[in-house]
PDB file of N, CA and C in Angstrom:
ATOM      1  N   MET A   1     142.327 120.689  52.353  1.00  0.00           N
ATOM      2  CA  MET A   1     142.135 119.584  53.145  1.00  0.00           C
ATOM      3  C   MET A   1     140.542 118.874  53.379  1.00  0.00           C
ATOM      4  N   GLU A   2     140.081 117.678  52.233  1.00  0.00           N
ATOM      5  CA  GLU A   2     138.727 117.317  52.008  1.00  0.00           C
ATOM      6  C   GLU A   2     138.092 117.071  54.095  1.00  0.00           C
ATOM      7  N   SER A   3     137.095 117.389  54.097  1.00  0.00           N
ATOM      8  CA  SER A   3     136.601 116.567  55.672  1.00  0.00           C
ATOM      9  C   SER A   3     135.988 115.947  55.724  1.00  0.00           C
ATOM     10  N   LEU A   4     136.313 115.301  56.461  1.00  0.00           N
ATOM     11  CA  LEU A   4     135.425 113.778  56.805  1.00  0.00           C
ATOM     12  C   LEU A   4     134.439 113.912  57.498  1.00  0.00           C
ATOM     13  N   PRO A   5     133.312 113.250  56.491  1.00  0.00           N
ATOM     14  CA  PRO A   5     131.849 113.023  56.760  1.00  0.00           C
ATOM     15  C   PRO A   5     131.794 112.518  58.527  1.00  0.00           C
ATOM     16  N   ALA A   6     130.499 113.019  59.605  1.00  0.00           N
ATOM     17  CA  ALA A   6     130.218 112.371  60.627  1.00  0.00           C
ATOM     18  C   ALA A   6     129.890 110.787  60.743  1.00  0.00           C
ATOM     19  N   GLY A   7     129.846 109.918  60.838  1.00  0.00           N
ATOM     20  CA  GLY A   7     128.994 108.757  60.253  1.00  0.00           C
ATOM     21  C   GLY A   7     130.021 107.293  61.018  1.00  0.00           C
ATOM     22  N   PRO A   8     128.897 106.351  60.577  1.00  0.00           N
ATOM     23  CA  PRO A   8     129.911 105.520  61.316  1.00  0.00           C
ATOM     24  C   PRO A   8     131.101 104.835  60.339  1.00  0.00           C
ATOM     25  N   PHE A   9     132.408 104.480  61.182  1.00  0.00           N
ATOM     26  CA  PHE A   9     133.318 103.504  60.325  1.00  0.00           C
ATOM     27  C   PHE A   9     133.403 102.605  60.741  1.00  0.00           C
ATOM     28  N   ARG A  10     133.946 101.445  59.807  1.00  0.00           N
ATOM     29  CA  ARG A  10     134.099 100.287  59.559  1.00  0.00           C
ATOM     30  C   ARG A  10     134.956  99.551  60.006  1.00  0.00           C
ATOM     31  N   LEU A  11     135.793  98.553  59.800  1.00  0.00           N
ATOM     32  CA  LEU A  11     136.371  97.888  59.043  1.00  0.00           C
ATOM     33  C   LEU A  11     136.655  96.260  59.075  1.00  0.00           C
ATOM     34  N   GLU A  12     135.967  96.599  57.876  1.00  0.00           N
ATOM     35  CA  GLU A  12     135.960  94.806  57.439  1.00  0.00           C
ATOM     36  C   GLU A  12     136.573  94.132  56.735  1.00  0.00           C
ATOM     37  N   SER A  13     136.377  92.868  56.400  1.00  0.00           N
ATOM     38  CA  SER A  13     137.174  91.914  55.596  1.00  0.00           C
ATOM     39  C   SER A  13     136.635  90.445  56.167  1.00  0.00           C
ATOM     40  N   LEU A  14     136.499  90.382  54.604  1.00  0.00           N
ATOM     41  CA  LEU A  14     136.175  88.744  54.479  1.00  0.00           C
ATOM     42  C   LEU A  14     135.221  88.061  55.183  1.00  0.00           C
ATOM     43  N   GLY A  15     133.895  89.607  54.837  1.00  0.00           N
ATOM     44  CA  GLY A  15     132.547  89.524  55.701  1.00  0.00           C
ATOM     45  C   GLY A  15     132.210  89.602  56.956  1.00  0.00           C
ATOM     46  N   LYS A  16     133.614  90.064  57.695  1.00  0.00           N
ATOM     47  CA  LYS A  16     133.575  90.308  59.405  1.00  0.00           C
ATOM     48  C   LYS A  16     133.748  91.351  59.311  1.00  0.00           C
ATOM     49  N   THR A  17     133.301  92.045  60.043  1.00  0.00           N
ATOM     50  CA  THR A  17     133.649  93.352  60.781  1.00  0.00           C
ATOM     51  C   THR A  17     134.334  92.970  61.999  1.00  0.00           C
ATOM     52  N   PHE A  18     135.583  94.104  61.872  1.00  0.00           N
ATOM     53  CA  PHE A  18     136.708  94.157  63.448  1.00  0.00           C
ATOM     54  C   PHE A  18     136.629  95.385  64.059  1.00  0.00           C
ATOM     55  N   VAL A  19     136.785  96.039  63.391  1.00  0.00           N
ATOM     56  CA  VAL A  19     135.760  97.197  63.720  1.00  0.00           C
ATOM     57  C   VAL A  19     134.612  98.806  63.402  1.00  0.00           C
ATOM     58  N   ARG A  20     133.946  98.913  64.674  1.00  0.00           N
ATOM     59  CA  ARG A  20     133.183  99.586  63.887  1.00  0.00           C
ATOM     60  C   ARG A  20     133.016 100.643  65.106  1.00  0.00           C
ATOM     61  N   PHE A  21     133.075 101.999  64.859  1.00  0.00           N
ATOM     62  CA  PHE A  21     132.928 102.989  65.453  1.00  0.00           C
ATOM     63  C   PHE A  21     131.609 103.872  65.209  1.00  0.00           C
ATOM     64  N   GLU A  22     131.103 104.830  65.809  1.00  0.00           N
ATOM     65  CA  GLU A  22     130.062 106.353  65.949  1.00  0.00           C
ATOM     66  C   GLU A  22     130.238 106.906  66.370  1.00  0.00           C
ATOM     67  N   PHE A  23     130.461 107.987  65.113  1.00  0.00           N
ATOM     68  CA  PHE A  23     131.196 109.837  65.511  1.00  0.00           C
ATOM     69  C   PHE A  23     131.002 110.425  65.240  1.00  0.00           C
ATOM     70  N   HIS A  24     130.597 111.799  65.737  1.00  0.00           N
ATOM     71  CA  HIS A  24     130.219 113.185  64.614  1.00  0.00           C
ATOM     72  C   HIS A  24     131.571 114.189  64.688  1.00  0.00           C
ATOM     73  N   LEU A  25     131.016 114.825  63.439  1.00  0.00           N
ATOM     74  CA  LEU A  25     132.120 115.808  63.553  1.00  0.00           C
ATOM     75  C   LEU A  25     131.722 117.047  64.622  1.00  0.00           C
ATOM     76  N   ILE A  26     133.034 117.428  65.052  1.00  0.00           N
ATOM     77  CA  ILE A  26     133.075 118.512  65.907  1.00  0.00           C
ATOM     78  C   ILE A  26     133.860 119.738  65.245  1.00  0.00           C
ATOM     79  N   LYS A  27     133.050 120.764  65.027  1.00  0.00           N
ATOM     80  CA  LYS A  27     134.083 122.012  64.172  1.00  0.00           C
ATOM     81  C   LYS A  27     134.374 122.324  65.040  1.00  0.00           C
ATOM     82  N   LEU A  28     135.704 122.912  65.845  1.00  0.00           N
ATOM     83  CA  LEU A  28     135.890 123.384  66.637  1.00  0.00           C
ATOM     84  C   LEU A  28     136.281 124.578  66.634  1.00  0.00           C
ATOM     85  N   LYS A  29     137.045 125.088  65.130  1.00  0.00           N
ATOM     86  CA  LYS A  29     136.708 126.748  64.657  1.00  0.00           C
ATOM     87  C   LYS A  29     135.396 127.348  65.344  1.00  0.00           C
ATOM     88  N   ASN A  30     134.152 126.408  65.140  1.00  0.00           N
ATOM     89  CA  ASN A  30     133.133 127.392  65.542  1.00  0.00           C
ATOM     90  C   ASN A  30     132.470 127.428  66.599  1.00  0.00           C
ATOM     91  N   LEU A  31     133.147 127.217  67.839  1.00  0.00           N
ATOM     92  CA  LEU A  31     133.016 127.095  69.467  1.00  0.00           C
ATOM     93  C   LEU A  31     133.845 127.992  69.902  1.00  0.00           C
ATOM     94  N   ASP A  32     133.311 128.239  71.171  1.00  0.00           N
ATOM     95  CA  ASP A  32     133.769 129.692  71.615  1.00  0.00           C
ATOM     96  C   ASP A  32     134.654 129.129  73.095  1.00  0.00           C
ATOM     97  N   TYR A  33     135.202 129.354  72.540  1.00  0.00           N
ATOM     98  CA  TYR A  33     136.279 128.455  73.532  1.00  0.00           C
ATOM     99  C   TYR A  33     136.455 129.372  75.368  1.00  0.00           C
ATOM    100  N   ARG A  34     135.703 130.417  75.893  1.00  0.00           N
ATOM    101  CA  ARG A  34     134.709 130.514  76.995  1.00  0.00           C
ATOM    102  C   ARG A  34     134.007 129.610  77.107  1.00  0.00           C
ATOM    103  N   LEU A  35     133.070 128.692  76.726  1.00  0.00           N
ATOM    104  CA  LEU A  35     132.118 127.939  77.775  1.00  0.00           C
ATOM    105  C   LEU A  35     132.828 126.862  77.746  1.00  0.00           C
ATOM    106  N   PHE A  36     133.803 126.451  77.502  1.00  0.00           N
ATOM    107  CA  PHE A  36     134.602 125.465  78.275  1.00  0.00           C
ATOM    108  C   PHE A  36     136.149 126.299  79.472  1.00  0.00           C
ATOM    109  N   LEU A  37     135.853 126.596  79.542  1.00  0.00           N
ATOM    110  CA  LEU A  37     136.658 127.686  80.735  1.00  0.00           C
ATOM    111  C   LEU A  37     137.383 127.490  81.885  1.00  0.00           C
ATOM    112  N   GLU A  38     135.442 126.867  82.210  1.00  0.00           N
ATOM    113  CA  GLU A  38     135.335 125.936  83.526  1.00  0.00           C
ATOM    114  C   GLU A  38     135.089 124.387  83.400  1.00  0.00           C
ATOM    115  N   SER A  39     135.094 124.014  83.060  1.00  0.00           N
ATOM    116  CA  SER A  39     136.066 122.678  82.452  1.00  0.00           C
ATOM    117  C   SER A  39     136.828 122.349  83.782  1.00  0.00           C
ATOM    118  N   ASP A  40     136.527 120.693  83.705  1.00  0.00           N
ATOM    119  CA  ASP A  40     137.183 119.750  85.044  1.00  0.00           C
ATOM    120  C   ASP A  40     138.335 119.208  84.006  1.00  0.00           C
ATOM    121  N   ASN A  41     137.870 118.890  83.220  1.00  0.00           N
ATOM    122  CA  ASN A  41     138.440 117.955  81.727  1.00  0.00           C
ATOM    123  C   ASN A  41     139.709 119.207  80.851  1.00  0.00           C
ATOM    124  N   PRO A  42     141.374 118.263  80.836  1.00  0.00           N
ATOM    125  CA  PRO A  42     141.737 118.154  79.978  1.00  0.00           C
ATOM    126  C   PRO A  42     141.969 118.194  79.143  1.00  0.00           C
ATOM    127  N   LEU A  43     141.646 117.626  78.598  1.00  0.00           N
ATOM    128  CA  LEU A  43     140.464 117.353  76.872  1.00  0.00           C
ATOM    129  C   LEU A  43     140.662 118.549  76.531  1.00  0.00           C
ATOM    130  N   ALA A  44     139.353 119.767  77.384  1.00  0.00           N
ATOM    131  CA  ALA A  44     138.747 120.916  77.041  1.00  0.00           C
ATOM    132  C   ALA A  44     139.782 121.716  76.669  1.00  0.00           C
ATOM    133  N   TYR A  45     140.834 122.035  77.724  1.00  0.00           N
ATOM    134  CA  TYR A  45     141.672 122.568  77.234  1.00  0.00           C
ATOM    135  C   TYR A  45     142.594 122.846  76.575  1.00  0.00           C
ATOM    136  N   ALA A  46     143.181 121.064  76.407  1.00  0.00           N
ATOM    137  CA  ALA A  46     143.786 121.055  75.137  1.00  0.00           C
ATOM    138  C   ALA A  46     143.348 121.458  74.332  1.00  0.00           C
ATOM    139  N   LEU A  47     141.873 121.381  73.779  1.00  0.00           N
ATOM    140  CA  LEU A  47     141.142 121.437  72.503  1.00  0.00           C
ATOM    141  C   LEU A  47     141.177 123.206  72.158  1.00  0.00           C
ATOM    142  N   MET A  48     140.988 123.995  72.995  1.00  0.00           N
ATOM    143  CA  MET A  48     140.815 125.051  73.410  1.00  0.00           C
ATOM    144  C   MET A  48     141.223 126.048  72.221  1.00  0.00           C
ATOM    145  N   ALA A  49     142.766 124.923  72.151  1.00  0.00           N
ATOM    146  CA  ALA A  49     144.193 126.386  71.179  1.00  0.00           C
ATOM    147  C   ALA A  49     143.120 125.886  70.264  1.00  0.00           C
ATOM    148  N   LYS A  50     142.177 125.285  69.730  1.00  0.00           N
ATOM    149  CA  LYS A  50     141.757 124.757  68.075  1.00  0.00           C
ATOM    150  C   LYS A  50     140.146 125.434  67.618  1.00  0.00           C
ATOM    151  N   MET A  51     139.737 126.261  68.931  1.00  0.00           N
ATOM    152  CA  MET A  51     138.120 126.524  69.214  1.00  0.00           C
ATOM    153  C   MET A  51     139.221 128.184  68.425  1.00  0.00           C
ATOM    154  N   ASP A  52     137.674 128.720  68.079  1.00  0.00           N
ATOM    155  CA  ASP A  52     137.292 129.863  68.196  1.00  0.00           C
ATOM    156  C   ASP A  52     138.002 131.030  69.074  1.00  0.00           C
ATOM    157  N   TYR A  53     139.117 132.868  68.547  1.00  0.00           N
ATOM    158  CA  TYR A  53     139.235 132.919  68.807  1.00  0.00           C
ATOM    159  C   TYR A  53     139.664 134.192  68.478  1.00  0.00           C
ATOM    160  N   ASN A  54     139.842 135.828  68.890  1.00  0.00           N
ATOM    161  CA  ASN A  54     141.296 136.438  68.152  1.00  0.00           C
ATOM    162  C   ASN A  54     142.248 136.633  68.617  1.00  0.00           C
ATOM    163  N   ARG A  55     143.300 137.513  68.183  1.00  0.00           N
ATOM    164  CA  ARG A  55     144.421 136.999  68.314  1.00  0.00           C
ATOM    165  C   ARG A  55     144.783 138.346  69.525  1.00  0.00           C
ATOM    166  N   ARG A  56     143.499 138.696  70.482  1.00  0.00           N
ATOM    167  CA  ARG A  56     143.521 139.321  71.495  1.00  0.00           C
ATOM    168  C   ARG A  56     143.456 139.461  72.557  1.00  0.00           C
ATOM    169  N   GLU A  57     142.796 138.090  71.993  1.00  0.00           N
ATOM    170  CA  GLU A  57     142.142 137.067  73.282  1.00  0.00           C
ATOM    171  C   GLU A  57     143.423 136.014  73.276  1.00  0.00           C
ATOM    172  N   ARG A  58     144.093 135.691  72.690  1.00  0.00           N
ATOM    173  CA  ARG A  58     145.112 134.382  73.252  1.00  0.00           C
ATOM    174  C   ARG A  58     145.811 134.649  74.131  1.00  0.00           C
ATOM    175  N   VAL A  59     146.254 136.212  74.065  1.00  0.00           N
ATOM    176  CA  VAL A  59     146.869 136.692  75.539  1.00  0.00           C
ATOM    177  C   VAL A  59     146.442 135.513  77.043  1.00  0.00           C
ATOM    178  N   ARG A  60     144.818 136.295  76.983  1.00  0.00           N
ATOM    179  CA  ARG A  60     144.197 135.513  77.928  1.00  0.00           C
ATOM    180  C   ARG A  60     143.992 134.188  77.479  1.00  0.00           C
ATOM    181  N   LEU A  61     143.681 134.380  76.429  1.00  0.00           N
ATOM    182  CA  LEU A  61     143.114 131.834  76.867  1.00  0.00           C
ATOM    183  C   LEU A  61     144.543 131.274  77.545  1.00  0.00           C
ATOM    184  N   LYS A  62     145.688 131.899  76.913  1.00  0.00           N
ATOM    185  CA  LYS A  62     147.338 131.376  77.994  1.00  0.00           C
ATOM    186  C   LYS A  62     147.207 131.294  78.807  1.00  0.00           C
ATOM    187  N   ALA A  63     146.568 132.768  79.853  1.00  0.00           N
ATOM    188  CA  ALA A  63     147.192 132.281  80.972  1.00  0.00           C
ATOM    189  C   ALA A  63     145.399 131.958  81.491  1.00  0.00           C
ATOM    190  N   ASP A  64     144.805 132.082  80.892  1.00  0.00           N
ATOM    191  CA  ASP A  64     143.584 130.872  81.552  1.00  0.00           C
ATOM    192  C   ASP A  64     143.402 129.142  81.971  1.00  0.00           C
ATOM    193  N   PHE A  65     144.194 128.741  80.854  1.00  0.00           N
ATOM    194  CA  PHE A  65     145.276 127.588  80.030  1.00  0.00           C
ATOM    195  C   PHE A  65     146.091 127.107  81.767  1.00  0.00           C
ATOM    196  N   LEU A  66     147.331 128.255  81.671  1.00  0.00           N
ATOM    197  CA  LEU A  66     148.149 128.209  83.356  1.00  0.00           C
ATOM    198  C   LEU A  66     147.568 128.140  83.951  1.00  0.00           C
ATOM    199  N   ARG A  67     145.888 128.557  84.434  1.00  0.00           N
ATOM    200  CA  ARG A  67     145.945 128.911  86.080  1.00  0.00           C
ATOM    201  C   ARG A  67     145.271 127.395  86.446  1.00  0.00           C
TER     202      ARG A  67
END
């Protein structure tokens, strides 16, 4: 799968811009899930499944998520 580059996205037609936004590429696999355990943000918990952890940590991640 080809990854998207970070930067602006524009949707233009007939010389007019209808949608424009900036984004940053975040590689979740390179982040340590433990840094986000104390977060109050539910999105952080949802994205933890895509972060870096090994098979032994999977059980702990599930238990921490359910707390």
